[in-house]
């Protein structure tokens, strides 16, 4: 009977270690991650994400990318290696 308890305790211990490892990996992935919603704008061979809520497609298409960067406070330059999906 003692062997059964020892075996169950060891099994529970390894399950807890596995679960703790999974949580640790998820925390490492999400650490420093940021999400942002907005409109994608292409200009000067780069892709930018304009994150302001009041941005419209017509406003962005009618001005240059430098004006977009100056006009809106939340503009992020995206570093995308493969532009083929755009």
PDB file of N, CA and C in Angstrom:
ATOM      1  N   UNK A   1       0.816  -1.191   0.000  1.00  0.00           N
ATOM      2  CA  UNK A   1       0.000   0.000   0.000  1.00  0.00           C
ATOM      3  C   UNK A   1       0.862   1.257   0.000  1.00  0.00           C
ATOM      4  N   UNK A   2       2.017   1.203   0.693  1.00  0.00           N
ATOM      5  CA  UNK A   2       2.901   2.363   0.717  1.00  0.00           C
ATOM      6  C   UNK A   2       3.448   2.672  -0.669  1.00  0.00           C
ATOM      7  N   UNK A   3       3.685   1.631  -1.464  1.00  0.00           N
ATOM      8  CA  UNK A   3       4.199   1.848  -2.814  1.00  0.00           C
ATOM      9  C   UNK A   3       3.181   2.587  -3.674  1.00  0.00           C
ATOM     10  N   UNK A   4       1.916   2.304  -3.484  1.00  0.00           N
ATOM     11  CA  UNK A   4       0.860   2.977  -4.236  1.00  0.00           C
ATOM     12  C   UNK A   4       0.849   4.458  -3.878  1.00  0.00           C
ATOM     13  N   UNK A   5       0.958   4.798  -2.605  1.00  0.00           N
ATOM     14  CA  UNK A   5       0.992   6.196  -2.173  1.00  0.00           C
ATOM     15  C   UNK A   5       2.222   6.921  -2.711  1.00  0.00           C
ATOM     16  N   UNK A   6       3.349   6.258  -2.663  1.00  0.00           N
ATOM     17  CA  UNK A   6       4.579   6.861  -3.176  1.00  0.00           C
ATOM     18  C   UNK A   6       4.459   7.089  -4.685  1.00  0.00           C
ATOM     19  N   UNK A   7       3.908   6.112  -5.394  1.00  0.00           N
ATOM     20  CA  UNK A   7       3.739   6.241  -6.837  1.00  0.00           C
ATOM     21  C   UNK A   7       2.755   7.355  -7.176  1.00  0.00           C
ATOM     22  N   UNK A   8       1.649   7.427  -6.468  1.00  0.00           N
ATOM     23  CA  UNK A   8       0.671   8.489  -6.715  1.00  0.00           C
ATOM     24  C   UNK A   8       1.242   9.867  -6.368  1.00  0.00           C
ATOM     25  N   UNK A   9       2.011   9.962  -5.292  1.00  0.00           N
ATOM     26  CA  UNK A   9       2.640  11.225  -4.915  1.00  0.00           C
ATOM     27  C   UNK A   9       3.650  11.662  -5.976  1.00  0.00           C
ATOM     28  N   UNK A  10       4.446  10.731  -6.473  1.00  0.00           N
ATOM     29  CA  UNK A  10       5.419  11.048  -7.514  1.00  0.00           C
ATOM     30  C   UNK A  10       4.714  11.486  -8.798  1.00  0.00           C
ATOM     31  N   UNK A  11       3.647  10.799  -9.156  1.00  0.00           N
ATOM     32  CA  UNK A  11       2.887  11.161 -10.345  1.00  0.00           C
ATOM     33  C   UNK A  11       2.278  12.554 -10.207  1.00  0.00           C
ATOM     34  N   UNK A  12       1.706  12.839  -9.069  1.00  0.00           N
ATOM     35  CA  UNK A  12       1.145  14.164  -8.810  1.00  0.00           C
ATOM     36  C   UNK A  12       2.226  15.236  -8.856  1.00  0.00           C
ATOM     37  N   UNK A  13       3.390  14.935  -8.333  1.00  0.00           N
ATOM     38  CA  UNK A  13       4.505  15.872  -8.346  1.00  0.00           C
ATOM     39  C   UNK A  13       4.923  16.201  -9.788  1.00  0.00           C
ATOM     40  N   UNK A  14       5.042  15.188 -10.633  1.00  0.00           N
ATOM     41  CA  UNK A  14       5.439  15.408 -12.017  1.00  0.00           C
ATOM     42  C   UNK A  14       4.361  16.155 -12.806  1.00  0.00           C
ATOM     43  N   UNK A  15       3.103  15.887 -12.501  1.00  0.00           N
ATOM     44  CA  UNK A  15       2.018  16.635 -13.152  1.00  0.00           C
ATOM     45  C   UNK A  15       2.087  18.107 -12.757  1.00  0.00           C
ATOM     46  N   UNK A  16       2.315  18.385 -11.486  1.00  0.00           N
ATOM     47  CA  UNK A  16       2.443  19.776 -11.036  1.00  0.00           C
ATOM     48  C   UNK A  16       3.649  20.460 -11.671  1.00  0.00           C
ATOM     49  N   UNK A  17       4.771  19.760 -11.796  1.00  0.00           N
ATOM     50  CA  UNK A  17       5.947  20.337 -12.456  1.00  0.00           C
ATOM     51  C   UNK A  17       5.651  20.656 -13.916  1.00  0.00           C
ATOM     52  N   UNK A  18       4.971  19.763 -14.605  1.00  0.00           N
ATOM     53  CA  UNK A  18       4.628  20.004 -15.998  1.00  0.00           C
ATOM     54  C   UNK A  18       3.715  21.210 -16.135  1.00  0.00           C
ATOM     55  N   UNK A  19       2.703  21.302 -15.280  1.00  0.00           N
ATOM     56  CA  UNK A  19       1.761  22.423 -15.316  1.00  0.00           C
ATOM     57  C   UNK A  19       2.471  23.736 -15.002  1.00  0.00           C
ATOM     58  N   UNK A  20       3.364  23.736 -14.031  1.00  0.00           N
ATOM     59  CA  UNK A  20       4.122  24.949 -13.697  1.00  0.00           C
ATOM     60  C   UNK A  20       5.013  25.362 -14.863  1.00  0.00           C
ATOM     61  N   UNK A  21       5.591  24.402 -15.566  1.00  0.00           N
ATOM     62  CA  UNK A  21       6.410  24.707 -16.734  1.00  0.00           C
ATOM     63  C   UNK A  21       5.600  25.321 -17.860  1.00  0.00           C
ATOM     64  N   UNK A  22       4.400  24.814 -18.071  1.00  0.00           N
ATOM     65  CA  UNK A  22       3.524  25.377 -19.088  1.00  0.00           C
ATOM     66  C   UNK A  22       3.152  26.812 -18.749  1.00  0.00           C
ATOM     67  N   UNK A  23       2.815  27.080 -17.507  1.00  0.00           N
ATOM     68  CA  UNK A  23       2.480  28.444 -17.089  1.00  0.00           C
ATOM     69  C   UNK A  23       3.667  29.377 -17.258  1.00  0.00           C
ATOM     70  N   UNK A  24       4.856  28.877 -16.950  1.00  0.00           N
ATOM     71  CA  UNK A  24       6.058  29.679 -17.094  1.00  0.00           C
ATOM     72  C   UNK A  24       6.302  30.038 -18.557  1.00  0.00           C
ATOM     73  N   UNK A  25       6.109  29.085 -19.456  1.00  0.00           N
ATOM     74  CA  UNK A  25       6.296  29.355 -20.886  1.00  0.00           C
ATOM     75  C   UNK A  25       5.285  30.378 -21.390  1.00  0.00           C
ATOM     76  N   UNK A  26       4.040  30.265 -20.961  1.00  0.00           N
ATOM     77  CA  UNK A  26       3.028  31.235 -21.380  1.00  0.00           C
ATOM     78  C   UNK A  26       3.355  32.613 -20.859  1.00  0.00           C
ATOM     79  N   UNK A  27       3.862  32.705 -19.648  1.00  0.00           N
ATOM     80  CA  UNK A  27       4.234  34.004 -19.090  1.00  0.00           C
ATOM     81  C   UNK A  27       5.389  34.613 -19.864  1.00  0.00           C
ATOM     82  N   UNK A  28       6.338  33.802 -20.306  1.00  0.00           N
ATOM     83  CA  UNK A  28       7.466  34.320 -21.087  1.00  0.00           C
ATOM     84  C   UNK A  28       7.003  34.827 -22.443  1.00  0.00           C
ATOM     85  N   UNK A  29       6.065  34.146 -23.044  1.00  0.00           N
ATOM     86  CA  UNK A  29       5.567  34.562 -24.356  1.00  0.00           C
ATOM     87  C   UNK A  29       4.800  35.873 -24.231  1.00  0.00           C
ATOM     88  N   UNK A  30       3.966  35.999 -23.227  1.00  0.00           N
ATOM     89  CA  UNK A  30       3.132  37.184 -23.087  1.00  0.00           C
ATOM     90  C   UNK A  30       3.850  38.355 -22.431  1.00  0.00           C
ATOM     91  N   UNK A  31       5.008  38.131 -21.849  1.00  0.00           N
ATOM     92  CA  UNK A  31       5.721  39.219 -21.188  1.00  0.00           C
ATOM     93  C   UNK A  31       6.185  40.220 -22.239  1.00  0.00           C
ATOM     94  N   UNK A  32       5.757  41.436 -22.123  1.00  0.00           N
ATOM     95  CA  UNK A  32       6.158  42.473 -23.049  1.00  0.00           C
ATOM     96  C   UNK A  32       5.337  42.509 -24.323  1.00  0.00           C
ATOM     97  N   UNK A  33       4.383  41.611 -24.457  1.00  0.00           N
ATOM     98  CA  UNK A  33       3.552  41.615 -25.650  1.00  0.00           C
ATOM     99  C   UNK A  33       2.562  42.770 -25.585  1.00  0.00           C
ATOM    100  N   UNK A  34       2.275  43.306 -26.736  1.00  0.00           N
ATOM    101  CA  UNK A  34       1.366  44.436 -26.794  1.00  0.00           C
ATOM    102  C   UNK A  34       0.434  44.237 -27.982  1.00  0.00           C
ATOM    103  N   UNK A  35      -0.805  44.580 -27.806  1.00  0.00           N
ATOM    104  CA  UNK A  35      -1.736  44.526 -28.914  1.00  0.00           C
ATOM    105  C   UNK A  35      -2.205  45.937 -29.234  1.00  0.00           C
ATOM    106  N   UNK A  36      -2.493  46.149 -30.496  1.00  0.00           N
ATOM    107  CA  UNK A  36      -2.924  47.468 -30.941  1.00  0.00           C
ATOM    108  C   UNK A  36      -3.828  47.283 -32.146  1.00  0.00           C
ATOM    109  N   UNK A  37      -4.920  48.007 -32.184  1.00  0.00           N
ATOM    110  CA  UNK A  37      -5.834  47.934 -33.314  1.00  0.00           C
ATOM    111  C   UNK A  37      -5.766  49.239 -34.076  1.00  0.00           C
ATOM    112  N   UNK A  38      -5.956  49.152 -35.373  1.00  0.00           N
ATOM    113  CA  UNK A  38      -5.929  50.360 -36.173  1.00  0.00           C
ATOM    114  C   UNK A  38      -5.981  50.037 -37.647  1.00  0.00           C
ATOM    115  N   UNK A  39      -5.474  50.970 -38.444  1.00  0.00           N
ATOM    116  CA  UNK A  39      -5.484  50.840 -39.887  1.00  0.00           C
ATOM    117  C   UNK A  39      -4.060  50.691 -40.400  1.00  0.00           C
ATOM    118  N   UNK A  40      -3.860  49.748 -41.310  1.00  0.00           N
ATOM    119  CA  UNK A  40      -2.551  49.561 -41.924  1.00  0.00           C
ATOM    120  C   UNK A  40      -2.401  50.529 -43.091  1.00  0.00           C
ATOM    121  N   UNK A  41      -1.241  51.192 -43.132  1.00  0.00           N
ATOM    122  CA  UNK A  41      -0.950  52.161 -44.180  1.00  0.00           C
ATOM    123  C   UNK A  41       0.394  51.798 -44.785  1.00  0.00           C
ATOM    124  N   UNK A  42       0.464  51.750 -46.117  1.00  0.00           N
ATOM    125  CA  UNK A  42       1.734  51.490 -46.790  1.00  0.00           C
ATOM    126  C   UNK A  42       2.263  52.800 -47.358  1.00  0.00           C
ATOM    127  N   UNK A  43       3.548  53.047 -47.106  1.00  0.00           N
ATOM    128  CA  UNK A  43       4.181  54.242 -47.634  1.00  0.00           C
ATOM    129  C   UNK A  43       5.679  54.119 -47.565  1.00  0.00           C
ATOM    130  N   UNK A  44       6.366  54.607 -48.592  1.00  0.00           N
ATOM    131  CA  UNK A  44       7.832  54.559 -48.662  1.00  0.00           C
ATOM    132  C   UNK A  44       8.367  53.143 -48.531  1.00  0.00           C
ATOM    133  N   UNK A  45       7.629  52.161 -49.011  1.00  0.00           N
ATOM    134  CA  UNK A  45       8.074  50.771 -48.942  1.00  0.00           C
ATOM    135  C   UNK A  45       7.961  50.156 -47.558  1.00  0.00           C
ATOM    136  N   UNK A  46       7.322  50.837 -46.632  1.00  0.00           N
ATOM    137  CA  UNK A  46       7.142  50.345 -45.263  1.00  0.00           C
ATOM    138  C   UNK A  46       5.655  50.219 -44.961  1.00  0.00           C
ATOM    139  N   UNK A  47       5.348  49.491 -43.910  1.00  0.00           N
ATOM    140  CA  UNK A  47       3.969  49.333 -43.460  1.00  0.00           C
ATOM    141  C   UNK A  47       3.850  49.957 -42.079  1.00  0.00           C
ATOM    142  N   UNK A  48       2.855  50.807 -41.913  1.00  0.00           N
ATOM    143  CA  UNK A  48       2.623  51.498 -40.652  1.00  0.00           C
ATOM    144  C   UNK A  48       1.246  51.125 -40.129  1.00  0.00           C
ATOM    145  N   UNK A  49       1.118  51.117 -38.815  1.00  0.00           N
ATOM    146  CA  UNK A  49      -0.170  50.876 -38.166  1.00  0.00           C
ATOM    147  C   UNK A  49      -0.583  52.157 -37.471  1.00  0.00           C
ATOM    148  N   UNK A  50      -1.679  52.751 -37.940  1.00  0.00           N
ATOM    149  CA  UNK A  50      -2.216  53.970 -37.338  1.00  0.00           C
ATOM    150  C   UNK A  50      -3.284  53.532 -36.346  1.00  0.00           C
ATOM    151  N   UNK A  51      -3.048  53.810 -35.073  1.00  0.00           N
ATOM    152  CA  UNK A  51      -3.901  53.282 -34.028  1.00  0.00           C
ATOM    153  C   UNK A  51      -4.942  54.233 -33.486  1.00  0.00           C
ATOM    154  N   UNK A  52      -5.081  55.423 -34.046  1.00  0.00           N
ATOM    155  CA  UNK A  52      -6.093  56.360 -33.559  1.00  0.00           C
ATOM    156  C   UNK A  52      -7.485  55.912 -33.989  1.00  0.00           C
ATOM    157  N   UNK A  53      -8.472  56.193 -33.143  1.00  0.00           N
ATOM    158  CA  UNK A  53      -9.843  55.786 -33.441  1.00  0.00           C
ATOM    159  C   UNK A  53     -10.488  56.652 -34.513  1.00  0.00           C
ATOM    160  N   UNK A  54     -10.043  57.898 -34.624  1.00  0.00           N
ATOM    161  CA  UNK A  54     -10.699  58.820 -35.550  1.00  0.00           C
ATOM    162  C   UNK A  54     -10.085  58.826 -36.946  1.00  0.00           C
ATOM    163  N   UNK A  55      -9.243  57.871 -37.266  1.00  0.00           N
ATOM    164  CA  UNK A  55      -8.625  57.801 -38.587  1.00  0.00           C
ATOM    165  C   UNK A  55      -9.599  57.155 -39.576  1.00  0.00           C
ATOM    166  N   UNK A  56      -9.645  57.713 -40.783  1.00  0.00           N
ATOM    167  CA  UNK A  56     -10.490  57.123 -41.826  1.00  0.00           C
ATOM    168  C   UNK A  56      -9.634  56.800 -43.046  1.00  0.00           C
ATOM    169  N   UNK A  57     -10.119  55.910 -43.845  1.00  0.00           N
ATOM    170  CA  UNK A  57      -9.388  55.472 -45.029  1.00  0.00           C
ATOM    171  C   UNK A  57      -9.172  56.628 -46.003  1.00  0.00           C
ATOM    172  N   UNK A  58     -10.173  57.478 -46.156  1.00  0.00           N
ATOM    173  CA  UNK A  58     -10.083  58.598 -47.087  1.00  0.00           C
ATOM    174  C   UNK A  58      -9.013  59.600 -46.658  1.00  0.00           C
ATOM    175  N   UNK A  59      -8.926  59.872 -45.351  1.00  0.00           N
ATOM    176  CA  UNK A  59      -7.921  60.811 -44.845  1.00  0.00           C
ATOM    177  C   UNK A  59      -6.510  60.292 -45.085  1.00  0.00           C
ATOM    178  N   UNK A  60      -6.313  59.019 -44.865  1.00  0.00           N
ATOM    179  CA  UNK A  60      -4.983  58.429 -44.992  1.00  0.00           C
ATOM    180  C   UNK A  60      -4.558  58.360 -46.451  1.00  0.00           C
ATOM    181  N   UNK A  61      -5.486  58.043 -47.350  1.00  0.00           N
ATOM    182  CA  UNK A  61      -5.145  57.925 -48.768  1.00  0.00           C
ATOM    183  C   UNK A  61      -4.847  59.269 -49.416  1.00  0.00           C
ATOM    184  N   UNK A  62      -5.376  60.342 -48.862  1.00  0.00           N
ATOM    185  CA  UNK A  62      -5.224  61.646 -49.504  1.00  0.00           C
ATOM    186  C   UNK A  62      -3.950  62.384 -49.099  1.00  0.00           C
ATOM    187  N   UNK A  63      -3.204  61.902 -48.106  1.00  0.00           N
ATOM    188  CA  UNK A  63      -1.991  62.594 -47.653  1.00  0.00           C
ATOM    189  C   UNK A  63      -0.794  61.642 -47.701  1.00  0.00           C
ATOM    190  N   UNK A  64       0.400  62.211 -47.582  1.00  0.00           N
ATOM    191  CA  UNK A  64       1.613  61.394 -47.599  1.00  0.00           C
ATOM    192  C   UNK A  64       1.805  60.714 -46.241  1.00  0.00           C
ATOM    193  N   UNK A  65       2.695  59.757 -46.207  1.00  0.00           N
ATOM    194  CA  UNK A  65       2.938  59.013 -44.971  1.00  0.00           C
ATOM    195  C   UNK A  65       3.540  59.910 -43.895  1.00  0.00           C
ATOM    196  N   UNK A  66       4.347  60.890 -44.291  1.00  0.00           N
ATOM    197  CA  UNK A  66       4.919  61.808 -43.298  1.00  0.00           C
ATOM    198  C   UNK A  66       3.843  62.659 -42.650  1.00  0.00           C
ATOM    199  N   UNK A  67       2.835  63.059 -43.416  1.00  0.00           N
ATOM    200  CA  UNK A  67       1.711  63.808 -42.845  1.00  0.00           C
ATOM    201  C   UNK A  67       0.886  62.925 -41.911  1.00  0.00           C
ATOM    202  N   UNK A  68       0.724  61.659 -42.265  1.00  0.00           N
ATOM    203  CA  UNK A  68      -0.003  60.725 -41.401  1.00  0.00           C
ATOM    204  C   UNK A  68       0.723  60.588 -40.066  1.00  0.00           C
ATOM    205  N   UNK A  69       2.051  60.434 -40.129  1.00  0.00           N
ATOM    206  CA  UNK A  69       2.838  60.296 -38.900  1.00  0.00           C
ATOM    207  C   UNK A  69       2.727  61.551 -38.051  1.00  0.00           C
ATOM    208  N   UNK A  70       2.748  62.722 -38.674  1.00  0.00           N
ATOM    209  CA  UNK A  70       2.637  63.972 -37.929  1.00  0.00           C
ATOM    210  C   UNK A  70       1.241  64.245 -37.403  1.00  0.00           C
ATOM    211  N   UNK A  71       0.232  63.809 -38.137  1.00  0.00           N
ATOM    212  CA  UNK A  71      -1.150  64.123 -37.778  1.00  0.00           C
ATOM    213  C   UNK A  71      -1.679  63.237 -36.650  1.00  0.00           C
ATOM    214  N   UNK A  72      -1.314  61.974 -36.655  1.00  0.00           N
ATOM    215  CA  UNK A  72      -1.860  61.035 -35.678  1.00  0.00           C
ATOM    216  C   UNK A  72      -0.795  60.680 -34.651  1.00  0.00           C
ATOM    217  N   UNK A  73      -1.192  60.616 -33.404  1.00  0.00           N
ATOM    218  CA  UNK A  73      -0.247  60.382 -32.319  1.00  0.00           C
ATOM    219  C   UNK A  73       0.204  58.941 -32.168  1.00  0.00           C
ATOM    220  N   UNK A  74      -0.596  58.019 -32.638  1.00  0.00           N
ATOM    221  CA  UNK A  74      -0.291  56.609 -32.429  1.00  0.00           C
ATOM    222  C   UNK A  74      -0.015  55.930 -33.756  1.00  0.00           C
ATOM    223  N   UNK A  75       1.233  56.050 -34.226  1.00  0.00           N
ATOM    224  CA  UNK A  75       1.646  55.420 -35.479  1.00  0.00           C
ATOM    225  C   UNK A  75       2.840  54.530 -35.176  1.00  0.00           C
ATOM    226  N   UNK A  76       2.739  53.266 -35.562  1.00  0.00           N
ATOM    227  CA  UNK A  76       3.821  52.309 -35.322  1.00  0.00           C
ATOM    228  C   UNK A  76       4.297  51.760 -36.658  1.00  0.00           C
ATOM    229  N   UNK A  77       5.611  51.724 -36.834  1.00  0.00           N
ATOM    230  CA  UNK A  77       6.199  51.140 -38.040  1.00  0.00           C
ATOM    231  C   UNK A  77       6.347  49.639 -37.801  1.00  0.00           C
ATOM    232  N   UNK A  78       5.780  48.849 -38.700  1.00  0.00           N
ATOM    233  CA  UNK A  78       5.814  47.400 -38.549  1.00  0.00           C
ATOM    234  C   UNK A  78       7.004  46.834 -39.299  1.00  0.00           C
ATOM    235  N   UNK A  79       7.680  45.904 -38.682  1.00  0.00           N
ATOM    236  CA  UNK A  79       8.822  45.242 -39.304  1.00  0.00           C
ATOM    237  C   UNK A  79       8.352  43.879 -39.794  1.00  0.00           C
ATOM    238  N   UNK A  80       7.868  43.845 -41.035  1.00  0.00           N
ATOM    239  CA  UNK A  80       7.343  42.619 -41.623  1.00  0.00           C
ATOM    240  C   UNK A  80       8.306  42.178 -42.710  1.00  0.00           C
ATOM    241  N   UNK A  81       8.783  40.954 -42.610  1.00  0.00           N
ATOM    242  CA  UNK A  81       9.777  40.459 -43.541  1.00  0.00           C
ATOM    243  C   UNK A  81       9.168  40.078 -44.889  1.00  0.00           C
ATOM    244  N   UNK A  82       7.979  39.502 -44.873  1.00  0.00           N
ATOM    245  CA  UNK A  82       7.358  39.005 -46.098  1.00  0.00           C
ATOM    246  C   UNK A  82       6.147  39.864 -46.406  1.00  0.00           C
ATOM    247  N   UNK A  83       6.242  40.697 -47.397  1.00  0.00           N
ATOM    248  CA  UNK A  83       5.139  41.592 -47.757  1.00  0.00           C
ATOM    249  C   UNK A  83       4.157  40.941 -48.741  1.00  0.00           C
ATOM    250  N   UNK A  84       4.349  39.686 -49.081  1.00  0.00           N
ATOM    251  CA  UNK A  84       3.553  39.057 -50.124  1.00  0.00           C
ATOM    252  C   UNK A  84       2.080  38.907 -49.738  1.00  0.00           C
ATOM    253  N   UNK A  85       1.759  38.845 -48.467  1.00  0.00           N
ATOM    254  CA  UNK A  85       0.361  38.673 -48.090  1.00  0.00           C
ATOM    255  C   UNK A  85      -0.411  39.980 -48.117  1.00  0.00           C
ATOM    256  N   UNK A  86       0.261  41.105 -48.367  1.00  0.00           N
ATOM    257  CA  UNK A  86      -0.429  42.383 -48.521  1.00  0.00           C
ATOM    258  C   UNK A  86      -0.770  42.581 -49.968  1.00  0.00           C
TER     259      UNK A  86
END
